[in-house]
């Protein structure tokens, strides 16, 4: 089976770092990596649409720059120790809105995983994620995504933290990617319960049992934390244990479920230097 992995890139250091992480994560698997560059700024979308018609100087210059950047990235892979006979690389240069381009690539190429940097060329210390990474996590709902911070270590994860409040009745198909990464990396899963009450209610107990059933056969354990501050609690937990990845399920109407808001997820990765796996609630 060939895995199909999409790597959006703007040729920034963070994007290149994410590519190297993807290559390492799938080093033992037969894969096609699609390197996607979108030569259109989402900030000036309408202006670009009006001025960048195919054949225009602006369009052709941007297209050539995109294709040259992809060629350099391809050459960089071929000339480094990351070369792997199991890996095939294909380039995609697209004129479109970045999110639409990513959605189209997922559909057209039957992509099973997106791996990208947290930020691109507009890297800013003031925010945890760039806008494209945030939108991909929120809007591309038919494919999981791993976002890789610039300082993340290039290595297989050995411990993956899965925060929950047990208010979601998880389904096996929704957590397949977490289990797949766990098995390929020989990693353990720590189910981190963010405790809001002293005791679990009936629904929470049932959901915890569902999670146990899904994770059966994998190396996993449960851990409880009081909810003083969700962001701080997860950060401190991950840092104290030296965990290698945090995984969430993204609910359609409440980003990362009821325990985390959009603002909190931005803040949480400001302190974390490990990748974040975002899966989706397939019922939505």
Protein backbone atom coordinates (compact mmCIF):
# COMPACT_ATOMS: atom_id res chain seq x y z
CA UNK A 1 0.00 0.00 0.00
CA UNK A 2 1.30 3.42 -0.96
CA UNK A 3 0.62 6.21 1.50
CA UNK A 4 -0.18 9.56 -0.09
CA UNK A 5 1.07 12.52 1.94
CA UNK A 6 0.53 16.18 1.08
CA UNK A 7 3.24 18.67 2.05
CA UNK A 8 2.17 22.31 1.48
CA UNK A 9 5.26 24.49 1.21
CA UNK A 10 6.14 28.14 0.73
CA UNK A 11 9.86 27.21 0.80
CA UNK A 12 10.31 28.68 4.28
CA UNK A 13 12.56 27.04 6.88
CA UNK A 14 9.50 25.86 8.82
CA UNK A 15 7.98 24.27 5.71
CA UNK A 16 11.25 22.50 4.90
CA UNK A 17 11.51 21.32 8.51
CA UNK A 18 7.99 19.87 8.26
CA UNK A 19 8.99 18.04 5.08
CA UNK A 20 11.96 16.45 6.82
CA UNK A 21 9.69 15.45 9.71
CA UNK A 22 7.27 13.79 7.27
CA UNK A 23 10.09 11.86 5.60
CA UNK A 24 11.30 10.60 8.97
CA UNK A 25 7.79 9.71 10.20
CA UNK A 26 7.15 7.59 7.10
CA UNK A 27 10.72 6.35 6.60
CA UNK A 28 9.68 2.69 6.72
CA UNK A 29 6.60 3.11 4.52
CA UNK A 30 6.10 3.20 0.76
CA UNK A 31 4.90 6.75 0.10
CA UNK A 32 4.17 9.37 -2.49
CA UNK A 33 4.85 12.85 -1.12
CA UNK A 34 3.07 15.62 -2.99
CA UNK A 35 4.91 18.92 -2.59
CA UNK A 36 2.33 21.68 -3.08
CA UNK A 37 3.17 25.33 -3.61
CA UNK A 38 0.38 27.86 -4.08
CA UNK A 39 1.56 31.04 -5.77
CA UNK A 40 -1.12 33.39 -4.51
CA UNK A 41 -1.26 35.46 -1.34
CA UNK A 42 -4.53 34.89 0.55
CA UNK A 43 -4.33 38.46 1.91
CA UNK A 44 -4.62 40.01 -1.57
CA UNK A 45 -6.77 37.29 -3.09
CA UNK A 46 -9.16 39.47 -5.12
CA UNK A 47 -6.35 41.75 -6.26
CA UNK A 48 -4.35 38.76 -7.42
CA UNK A 49 -7.35 37.30 -9.23
CA UNK A 50 -7.82 40.54 -11.17
CA UNK A 51 -4.15 41.06 -12.04
CA UNK A 52 -2.76 37.53 -12.32
CA UNK A 53 -4.50 36.15 -15.39
CA UNK A 54 -2.72 33.22 -17.05
CA UNK A 55 -0.36 34.64 -19.62
CA UNK A 56 0.11 37.94 -17.82
CA UNK A 57 3.62 38.91 -16.75
CA UNK A 58 2.66 38.82 -13.06
CA UNK A 59 1.16 35.33 -13.39
CA UNK A 60 4.02 33.86 -15.43
CA UNK A 61 6.66 35.35 -13.10
CA UNK A 62 4.91 33.93 -10.03
CA UNK A 63 4.42 30.55 -11.70
CA UNK A 64 8.10 30.35 -12.69
CA UNK A 65 9.17 31.28 -9.17
CA UNK A 66 6.89 28.56 -7.76
CA UNK A 67 8.17 25.90 -10.16
CA UNK A 68 11.80 26.86 -9.51
CA UNK A 69 11.23 26.68 -5.75
CA UNK A 70 9.71 23.22 -6.06
CA UNK A 71 12.60 22.09 -8.26
CA UNK A 72 15.12 23.28 -5.66
CA UNK A 73 13.20 21.49 -2.91
CA UNK A 74 13.14 18.30 -4.97
CA UNK A 75 16.90 18.57 -5.62
CA UNK A 76 17.53 19.19 -1.93
CA UNK A 77 15.79 15.92 -1.07
CA UNK A 78 17.67 13.97 -3.73
CA UNK A 79 21.07 15.20 -2.55
CA UNK A 80 20.69 14.58 1.19
CA UNK A 81 20.66 11.65 3.56
CA UNK A 82 16.85 11.77 3.46
CA UNK A 83 16.82 9.91 0.14
CA UNK A 84 14.78 6.74 0.53
CA UNK A 85 14.00 4.16 -2.21
CA UNK A 86 10.52 3.71 -0.71
CA UNK A 87 9.70 7.38 -1.23
CA UNK A 88 8.50 9.09 -4.38
CA UNK A 89 8.12 12.86 -4.69
CA UNK A 90 5.80 14.76 -6.98
CA UNK A 91 5.49 18.54 -7.28
CA UNK A 92 2.34 20.62 -7.67
CA UNK A 93 2.42 24.33 -8.53
CA UNK A 94 -1.07 25.83 -8.26
CA UNK A 95 -2.65 29.26 -8.71
CA UNK A 96 -5.51 29.39 -6.22
CA UNK A 97 -6.56 30.31 -2.72
CA UNK A 98 -4.28 28.17 -0.45
CA UNK A 99 -7.11 26.42 1.41
CA UNK A 100 -9.00 25.62 -1.80
CA UNK A 101 -5.77 24.35 -3.37
CA UNK A 102 -5.16 22.04 -0.41
CA UNK A 103 -8.78 20.80 -0.44
CA UNK A 104 -8.56 20.11 -4.17
CA UNK A 105 -5.27 18.25 -3.79
CA UNK A 106 -6.72 16.09 -1.00
CA UNK A 107 -9.67 15.13 -3.21
CA UNK A 108 -7.81 14.70 -6.50
CA UNK A 109 -4.84 12.74 -5.16
CA UNK A 110 -6.68 10.75 -2.47
CA UNK A 111 -4.44 12.23 0.23
CA UNK A 112 -4.52 10.50 3.62
CA UNK A 113 -2.41 12.95 5.64
CA UNK A 114 -1.34 16.60 5.43
CA UNK A 115 1.95 17.52 7.09
CA UNK A 116 2.89 21.19 7.23
CA UNK A 117 4.77 23.80 9.21
CA UNK A 118 3.05 25.92 11.82
CA UNK A 119 4.15 29.08 10.03
CA UNK A 120 5.56 30.17 6.72
CA UNK A 121 7.57 33.11 5.48
CA UNK A 122 5.45 35.52 7.52
CA UNK A 123 6.69 33.82 10.71
CA UNK A 124 5.80 35.93 13.75
CA UNK A 125 6.64 35.44 17.38
CA UNK A 126 3.28 36.94 18.34
CA UNK A 127 1.19 34.00 17.10
CA UNK A 128 1.53 30.26 17.46
CA UNK A 129 0.22 29.31 14.02
CA UNK A 130 0.17 31.08 10.72
CA UNK A 131 -3.28 31.70 9.29
CA UNK A 132 -2.95 28.96 6.67
CA UNK A 133 -2.19 26.28 9.29
CA UNK A 134 -5.16 27.42 11.40
CA UNK A 135 -7.51 27.35 8.40
CA UNK A 136 -6.28 23.93 7.29
CA UNK A 137 -6.98 22.51 10.75
CA UNK A 138 -10.44 24.05 10.78
CA UNK A 139 -11.59 23.80 7.18
CA UNK A 140 -10.02 20.70 5.61
CA UNK A 141 -12.29 18.24 7.33
CA UNK A 142 -11.81 15.14 5.20
CA UNK A 143 -8.14 14.69 6.02
CA UNK A 144 -6.07 14.75 9.23
CA UNK A 145 -3.18 17.18 9.52
CA UNK A 146 0.09 17.22 11.45
CA UNK A 147 1.47 20.70 12.09
CA UNK A 148 5.17 20.79 12.89
CA UNK A 149 6.77 23.64 14.85
CA UNK A 150 10.15 24.93 13.72
CA UNK A 151 11.84 23.59 16.87
CA UNK A 152 10.27 20.11 16.75
CA UNK A 153 12.82 17.30 16.77
CA UNK A 154 13.06 15.16 13.65
CA UNK A 155 12.30 11.79 15.20
CA UNK A 156 9.56 9.21 15.57
CA UNK A 157 7.22 10.01 18.48
CA UNK A 158 7.55 7.76 21.51
CA UNK A 159 4.75 9.28 23.59
CA UNK A 160 1.59 10.89 22.19
CA UNK A 161 -0.66 12.87 24.53
CA UNK A 162 -4.40 12.75 23.80
CA UNK A 163 -6.29 15.31 25.95
CA UNK A 164 -9.99 14.70 26.59
CA UNK A 165 -12.82 15.48 28.99
CA UNK A 166 -14.66 12.26 28.08
CA UNK A 167 -17.63 14.23 26.78
CA UNK A 168 -17.16 12.92 23.25
CA UNK A 169 -18.17 9.41 22.22
CA UNK A 170 -15.21 8.63 19.99
CA UNK A 171 -15.45 6.21 17.09
CA UNK A 172 -12.71 3.85 15.98
CA UNK A 173 -12.58 5.24 12.44
CA UNK A 174 -11.95 8.74 13.83
CA UNK A 175 -8.87 7.63 15.74
CA UNK A 176 -7.38 5.35 13.06
CA UNK A 177 -4.62 7.85 12.25
CA UNK A 178 -3.58 8.18 15.89
CA UNK A 179 -3.41 4.39 16.20
CA UNK A 180 -1.54 4.10 12.88
CA UNK A 181 1.13 6.57 13.97
CA UNK A 182 1.37 4.90 17.37
CA UNK A 183 2.00 1.49 15.83
CA UNK A 184 4.44 2.68 13.15
CA UNK A 185 6.46 4.55 15.80
CA UNK A 186 6.13 1.95 18.55
CA UNK A 187 4.79 4.78 20.70
CA UNK A 188 2.58 4.93 23.76
CA UNK A 189 -0.60 7.00 24.12
CA UNK A 190 -1.32 8.99 27.27
CA UNK A 191 -5.03 9.81 27.52
CA UNK A 192 -4.94 13.03 29.50
CA UNK A 193 -8.24 13.71 31.25
CA UNK A 194 -8.81 17.42 31.79
CA UNK A 195 -10.93 17.18 34.91
CA UNK A 196 -13.73 19.71 35.35
CA UNK A 197 -15.64 17.80 38.05
CA UNK A 198 -14.51 15.55 40.88
CA UNK A 199 -16.38 12.54 39.52
CA UNK A 200 -17.17 11.35 36.00
CA UNK A 201 -20.87 11.27 35.18
CA UNK A 202 -22.53 8.28 33.50
CA UNK A 203 -21.89 9.54 29.95
CA UNK A 204 -18.24 10.28 30.68
CA UNK A 205 -17.73 6.81 32.13
CA UNK A 206 -19.30 5.25 29.04
CA UNK A 207 -17.10 7.36 26.74
CA UNK A 208 -14.00 6.43 28.69
CA UNK A 209 -14.89 2.76 28.23
CA UNK A 210 -15.41 3.34 24.50
CA UNK A 211 -11.95 4.87 24.31
CA UNK A 212 -10.47 1.88 26.13
CA UNK A 213 -12.13 -0.47 23.65
CA UNK A 214 -10.75 1.50 20.68
CA UNK A 215 -7.22 1.63 22.11
CA UNK A 216 -7.15 -2.04 23.09
CA UNK A 217 -4.03 -3.71 21.75
CA UNK A 218 -2.02 -0.49 21.90
CA UNK A 219 0.31 0.79 24.61
CA UNK A 220 -1.81 3.36 26.45
CA UNK A 221 -2.43 4.75 29.92
CA UNK A 222 -4.79 7.23 31.57
CA UNK A 223 -3.81 10.32 33.50
CA UNK A 224 -5.94 12.95 35.27
CA UNK A 225 -5.28 16.68 35.63
CA UNK A 226 -7.41 19.29 37.39
CA UNK A 227 -8.59 22.11 35.17
CA UNK A 228 -6.95 25.16 36.63
CA UNK A 229 -5.79 26.39 33.25
CA UNK A 230 -6.11 24.04 30.28
CA UNK A 231 -3.28 25.54 28.29
CA UNK A 232 -0.83 25.56 31.19
CA UNK A 233 -1.85 22.09 32.35
CA UNK A 234 -1.20 20.45 28.99
CA UNK A 235 2.00 22.38 28.40
CA UNK A 236 3.41 21.52 31.82
CA UNK A 237 2.37 17.88 31.46
CA UNK A 238 3.99 17.53 28.03
CA UNK A 239 7.14 19.37 29.06
CA UNK A 240 7.57 17.42 32.30
CA UNK A 241 7.30 14.07 30.52
CA UNK A 242 9.16 14.98 27.35
CA UNK A 243 6.20 13.88 25.22
CA UNK A 244 6.64 13.93 21.45
CA UNK A 245 3.21 14.77 20.02
CA UNK A 246 -0.23 16.06 21.06
CA UNK A 247 -3.34 14.72 19.29
CA UNK A 248 -6.86 16.16 19.17
CA UNK A 249 -10.14 15.51 17.45
CA UNK A 250 -11.53 18.66 15.87
CA UNK A 251 -15.29 19.05 16.30
CA UNK A 252 -17.08 20.92 13.54
CA UNK A 253 -18.67 23.62 15.65
CA UNK A 254 -16.27 23.69 18.58
CA UNK A 255 -12.64 23.69 17.52
CA UNK A 256 -10.84 20.86 19.33
CA UNK A 257 -14.03 19.94 21.16
CA UNK A 258 -15.44 21.61 24.22
CA UNK A 259 -12.17 21.60 26.16
CA UNK A 260 -10.24 23.88 23.84
CA UNK A 261 -11.12 27.03 21.92
CA UNK A 262 -9.47 28.47 18.82
CA UNK A 263 -7.65 31.01 20.98
CA UNK A 264 -6.37 28.35 23.36
CA UNK A 265 -5.00 26.16 20.60
CA UNK A 266 -3.05 29.11 19.27
CA UNK A 267 -1.64 29.76 22.72
CA UNK A 268 -0.93 26.15 23.56
CA UNK A 269 1.50 25.67 20.70
CA UNK A 270 3.23 28.94 21.41
CA UNK A 271 4.91 27.04 24.24
CA UNK A 272 4.99 23.57 22.72
CA UNK A 273 7.82 22.54 20.44
CA UNK A 274 6.25 19.24 19.40
CA UNK A 275 3.98 18.35 16.48
CA UNK A 276 0.21 18.50 16.77
CA UNK A 277 -2.00 15.84 15.14
CA UNK A 278 -5.50 17.10 14.33
CA UNK A 279 -8.14 14.56 13.40
CA UNK A 280 -11.79 15.17 12.62
CA UNK A 281 -15.18 14.11 13.86
CA UNK A 282 -16.37 12.15 10.82
CA UNK A 283 -20.02 12.48 11.82
CA UNK A 284 -19.97 16.17 10.94
